[in-house]
Amino acid sequence: MQYLPIILSLLLLSPLESLAQKLTSMQWLNEPEAWEIEDGRLIMQVTGQSDYWNKSHYGFMVNDGPFLYTERGGEFEVTLKITGEYETRFDQMGLMFKIDENHWIKTGIEFVDGVYNFSTVHTIEKSSWSVVPLNEKPASIWIKATRKRDAIEIFYSMDGKKFTMSNTAYFPEYKDVKVGMMAASPDGNGFKAIFEAFKIKHLPDERRLEWLQQNAE
């Protein structure tokens, strides 16, 4: 009977409270000076003069943007809603997948020369950058990405319901990956970024499923 109050309190937790607990168990790379978790949302003041980029075109390698992450192996789907008060050229926020300094993907909104873009930087030794210009400043953007086999598929949505694919990018398989929420302000002094509805769903390994189907009893 002594465990009943604890069990009841766990059952009464709201989804937001459960999500907040998940966020508080995650780890920082380049923790910003100001951040908080409130009602299941991560709110941060993005570190100024921070970025992720590897060599291509610009000639520098930088790895110092705020990144709150958890580690995952295998195949999975991750979703996230982002809202930013973008101020300066190259202000950006979104999802990040990181094996190490030379193998990572970041994807989300990036503000470039007055245009709001759904942006993806794909890095295998050197960075490649692609953008999808948006018609106007989004109130928020929803991101969905799936890691399957040796690729990550990336989708975005303006309403959290209808998703459009922006990229299918190679990503090394059989490697544990850090996945989570990233922001950067390469050309400015930072901005307010809000992350919410962060969720990771395990996906059964496709090759294992194929094997099971081929070897069914």
Protein backbone atom coordinates (compact mmCIF):
# COMPACT_ATOMS: atom_id res chain seq x y z
CA MET A 1 0.00 0.00 0.00
CA GLN A 2 2.90 2.37 0.57
CA TYR A 3 3.46 2.49 -3.20
CA LEU A 4 -0.12 3.48 -4.05
CA PRO A 5 0.36 7.28 -3.73
CA ILE A 6 3.39 7.12 -6.01
CA ILE A 7 1.55 5.03 -8.61
CA LEU A 8 -1.46 7.37 -8.51
CA SER A 9 0.73 10.44 -8.93
CA LEU A 10 2.38 8.90 -12.00
CA LEU A 11 -0.99 8.04 -13.52
CA LEU A 12 -2.21 11.60 -12.96
CA LEU A 13 0.72 13.20 -14.78
CA SER A 14 -0.44 15.19 -17.78
CA PRO A 15 1.16 14.59 -21.20
CA LEU A 16 2.94 17.94 -20.89
CA GLU A 17 4.40 17.02 -17.53
CA SER A 18 5.58 13.69 -18.91
CA LEU A 19 7.19 15.45 -21.87
CA ALA A 20 8.86 17.98 -19.57
CA GLN A 21 10.42 15.13 -17.63
CA LYS A 22 11.79 13.72 -20.87
CA LEU A 23 13.31 17.08 -21.74
CA THR A 24 14.93 17.44 -18.34
CA SER A 25 16.61 14.05 -18.76
CA MET A 26 18.31 15.17 -21.99
CA GLN A 27 21.87 16.46 -22.24
CA TRP A 28 23.40 19.71 -23.46
CA LEU A 29 26.14 20.30 -25.94
CA ASN A 30 27.07 23.99 -25.74
CA GLU A 31 24.49 24.86 -23.06
CA PRO A 32 23.25 28.45 -23.52
CA GLU A 33 23.37 30.95 -20.68
CA ALA A 34 19.59 31.35 -20.50
CA TRP A 35 17.07 28.54 -20.93
CA GLU A 36 14.13 26.92 -19.15
CA ILE A 37 11.66 24.08 -19.51
CA GLU A 38 8.08 25.23 -18.99
CA ASP A 39 4.88 23.27 -19.67
CA GLY A 40 6.76 20.75 -21.77
CA ARG A 41 8.50 23.39 -23.87
CA LEU A 42 12.16 24.25 -24.13
CA ILE A 43 12.62 28.02 -24.21
CA MET A 44 16.11 29.33 -24.83
CA GLN A 45 17.94 32.53 -25.59
CA VAL A 46 20.15 31.32 -28.41
CA THR A 47 23.87 31.94 -28.00
CA GLY A 48 25.10 34.70 -30.29
CA GLN A 49 27.93 34.11 -32.77
CA SER A 50 27.26 30.34 -32.78
CA ASP A 51 26.85 27.86 -35.63
CA TYR A 52 27.44 24.42 -37.13
CA TRP A 53 29.33 24.19 -40.43
CA ASN A 54 32.10 22.10 -41.99
CA LYS A 55 34.54 23.69 -44.42
CA SER A 56 32.64 23.79 -47.75
CA HIS A 57 32.55 27.17 -49.51
CA TYR A 58 33.26 29.26 -46.41
CA GLY A 59 36.45 27.48 -45.37
CA PHE A 60 35.79 27.20 -41.62
CA MET A 61 34.65 24.45 -39.28
CA VAL A 62 32.48 25.43 -36.30
CA ASN A 63 30.59 23.30 -33.77
CA ASP A 64 29.31 25.61 -31.02
CA GLY A 65 25.52 26.05 -31.30
CA PRO A 66 23.24 25.08 -28.38
CA PHE A 67 22.02 21.47 -28.79
CA LEU A 68 19.81 19.58 -26.32
CA TYR A 69 19.84 15.91 -27.20
CA THR A 70 19.16 12.31 -26.34
CA GLU A 71 20.91 9.30 -27.88
CA ARG A 72 19.21 6.70 -30.05
CA GLY A 73 20.24 3.61 -31.97
CA GLY A 74 18.41 1.92 -34.81
CA GLU A 75 15.48 3.31 -36.76
CA PHE A 76 13.04 5.91 -35.45
CA GLU A 77 10.74 8.83 -36.24
CA VAL A 78 11.10 12.21 -34.53
CA THR A 79 8.69 15.15 -34.55
CA LEU A 80 9.02 18.71 -33.27
CA LYS A 81 7.28 22.08 -33.35
CA ILE A 82 9.44 25.22 -33.46
CA THR A 83 8.71 28.91 -32.98
CA GLY A 84 11.41 31.58 -33.24
CA GLU A 85 11.79 35.34 -32.92
CA TYR A 86 14.37 35.51 -35.70
CA GLU A 87 16.24 38.81 -35.88
CA THR A 88 19.48 38.56 -37.82
CA ARG A 89 20.75 36.92 -41.01
CA PHE A 90 21.33 33.18 -40.56
CA ASP A 91 19.31 32.92 -37.31
CA GLN A 92 18.17 29.29 -37.27
CA MET A 93 16.53 26.56 -35.19
CA GLY A 94 15.26 23.03 -35.61
CA LEU A 95 16.17 19.34 -35.37
CA MET A 96 19.69 17.97 -35.34
CA PHE A 97 21.14 14.49 -35.84
CA LYS A 98 24.78 14.14 -34.83
CA ILE A 99 27.13 11.16 -34.84
CA ASP A 100 30.27 13.28 -34.50
CA GLU A 101 31.76 16.56 -35.75
CA ASN A 102 31.99 15.23 -39.32
CA HIS A 103 28.66 13.38 -39.59
CA TRP A 104 25.51 15.39 -38.81
CA ILE A 105 22.32 16.95 -40.17
CA LYS A 106 20.51 20.07 -39.00
CA THR A 107 17.11 21.06 -40.40
CA GLY A 108 14.53 23.72 -39.62
CA ILE A 109 13.91 27.42 -40.20
CA GLU A 110 16.78 29.69 -41.25
CA PHE A 111 16.37 33.43 -41.83
CA VAL A 112 18.54 34.54 -44.77
CA ASP A 113 18.54 38.03 -46.34
CA GLY A 114 14.96 38.73 -45.33
CA VAL A 115 13.60 35.32 -46.45
CA TYR A 116 12.39 32.55 -44.14
CA ASN A 117 13.56 29.19 -45.46
CA PHE A 118 13.06 25.59 -44.52
CA SER A 119 16.74 24.78 -44.47
CA THR A 120 18.82 21.59 -44.26
CA VAL A 121 22.57 21.26 -43.83
CA HIS A 122 23.84 17.75 -44.56
CA THR A 123 27.38 17.04 -43.41
CA ILE A 124 29.47 14.02 -44.31
CA GLU A 125 33.01 15.35 -43.81
CA LYS A 126 31.93 18.58 -45.56
CA SER A 127 28.63 20.48 -45.40
CA SER A 128 26.02 20.83 -48.14
CA TRP A 129 23.16 23.33 -47.76
CA SER A 130 19.68 23.27 -49.30
CA VAL A 131 16.77 25.68 -48.76
CA VAL A 132 13.05 25.82 -49.51
CA PRO A 133 11.95 29.51 -49.43
CA LEU A 134 8.66 30.12 -47.61
CA ASN A 135 6.11 32.69 -48.76
CA GLU A 136 6.01 34.48 -45.42
CA LYS A 137 7.26 34.35 -41.85
CA PRO A 138 5.78 31.21 -40.28
CA ALA A 139 4.10 31.51 -36.90
CA SER A 140 5.47 28.02 -36.23
CA ILE A 141 6.81 25.08 -38.21
CA TRP A 142 6.39 21.36 -37.55
CA ILE A 143 9.24 19.03 -38.51
CA LYS A 144 9.11 15.27 -38.96
CA ALA A 145 12.10 13.09 -39.79
CA THR A 146 12.60 9.35 -40.06
CA ARG A 147 15.86 7.46 -39.81
CA LYS A 148 15.71 4.26 -41.86
CA ARG A 149 18.64 2.15 -43.02
CA ASP A 150 21.29 4.54 -44.39
CA ALA A 151 19.14 7.65 -44.80
CA ILE A 152 17.12 10.31 -43.04
CA GLU A 153 13.90 11.56 -44.64
CA ILE A 154 12.89 15.10 -43.67
CA PHE A 155 9.42 16.66 -43.84
CA TYR A 156 7.96 20.03 -42.80
CA SER A 157 4.45 21.34 -42.18
CA MET A 158 2.81 24.71 -41.69
CA ASP A 159 -0.09 23.29 -39.68
CA GLY A 160 1.18 20.08 -38.06
CA LYS A 161 -1.09 17.97 -40.28
CA LYS A 162 -0.03 18.12 -43.92
CA PHE A 163 3.69 17.37 -44.32
CA THR A 164 5.88 18.00 -47.38
CA MET A 165 9.16 16.18 -47.93
CA SER A 166 12.18 18.42 -48.36
CA ASN A 167 15.12 16.00 -48.27
CA THR A 168 16.24 12.40 -48.32
CA ALA A 169 19.84 12.46 -47.13
CA TYR A 170 22.45 9.75 -46.69
CA PHE A 171 23.34 9.09 -43.05
CA PRO A 172 25.61 6.28 -41.80
CA GLU A 173 23.71 3.33 -40.37
CA TYR A 174 24.66 1.10 -37.45
CA LYS A 175 25.82 4.21 -35.56
CA ASP A 176 24.22 5.59 -32.40
CA VAL A 177 23.10 9.17 -33.00
CA LYS A 178 22.47 12.21 -30.83
CA VAL A 179 19.08 13.66 -31.78
CA GLY A 180 17.39 16.77 -30.44
CA MET A 181 16.83 20.50 -30.58
CA MET A 182 19.41 22.87 -32.06
CA ALA A 183 19.62 26.60 -32.62
CA ALA A 184 22.31 29.03 -33.74
CA SER A 185 22.86 32.71 -34.46
CA PRO A 186 26.03 32.94 -36.60
CA ASP A 187 25.70 36.60 -37.57
CA GLY A 188 23.86 38.02 -34.57
CA ASN A 189 23.54 38.22 -30.80
CA GLY A 190 20.96 35.46 -30.41
CA PHE A 191 17.17 35.29 -30.36
CA LYS A 192 14.33 33.65 -28.45
CA ALA A 193 13.61 30.08 -29.59
CA ILE A 194 10.75 27.85 -28.41
CA PHE A 195 10.70 24.07 -28.98
CA GLU A 196 7.66 21.95 -28.16
CA ALA A 197 5.96 18.62 -28.90
CA PHE A 198 9.33 16.86 -29.17
CA LYS A 199 8.66 13.16 -29.60
CA ILE A 200 10.66 10.12 -30.72
CA LYS A 201 8.92 6.94 -31.85
CA HIS A 202 10.80 3.65 -32.27
CA LEU A 203 10.50 2.03 -35.69
CA PRO A 204 11.11 -1.70 -36.19
CA ASP A 205 14.25 -2.37 -38.21
CA GLU A 206 13.21 -2.81 -41.86
CA ARG A 207 15.78 -5.49 -42.66
CA ARG A 208 14.79 -7.52 -39.61
CA LEU A 209 11.12 -7.32 -40.62
CA GLU A 210 12.00 -8.51 -44.11
CA TRP A 211 13.96 -11.42 -42.68
CA LEU A 212 11.09 -12.38 -40.39
CA GLN A 213 8.65 -12.32 -43.31
CA GLN A 214 10.94 -14.46 -45.44
CA ASN A 215 11.50 -16.93 -42.61
CA ALA A 216 8.03 -17.11 -41.12
CA GLU A 217 7.15 -20.45 -39.54
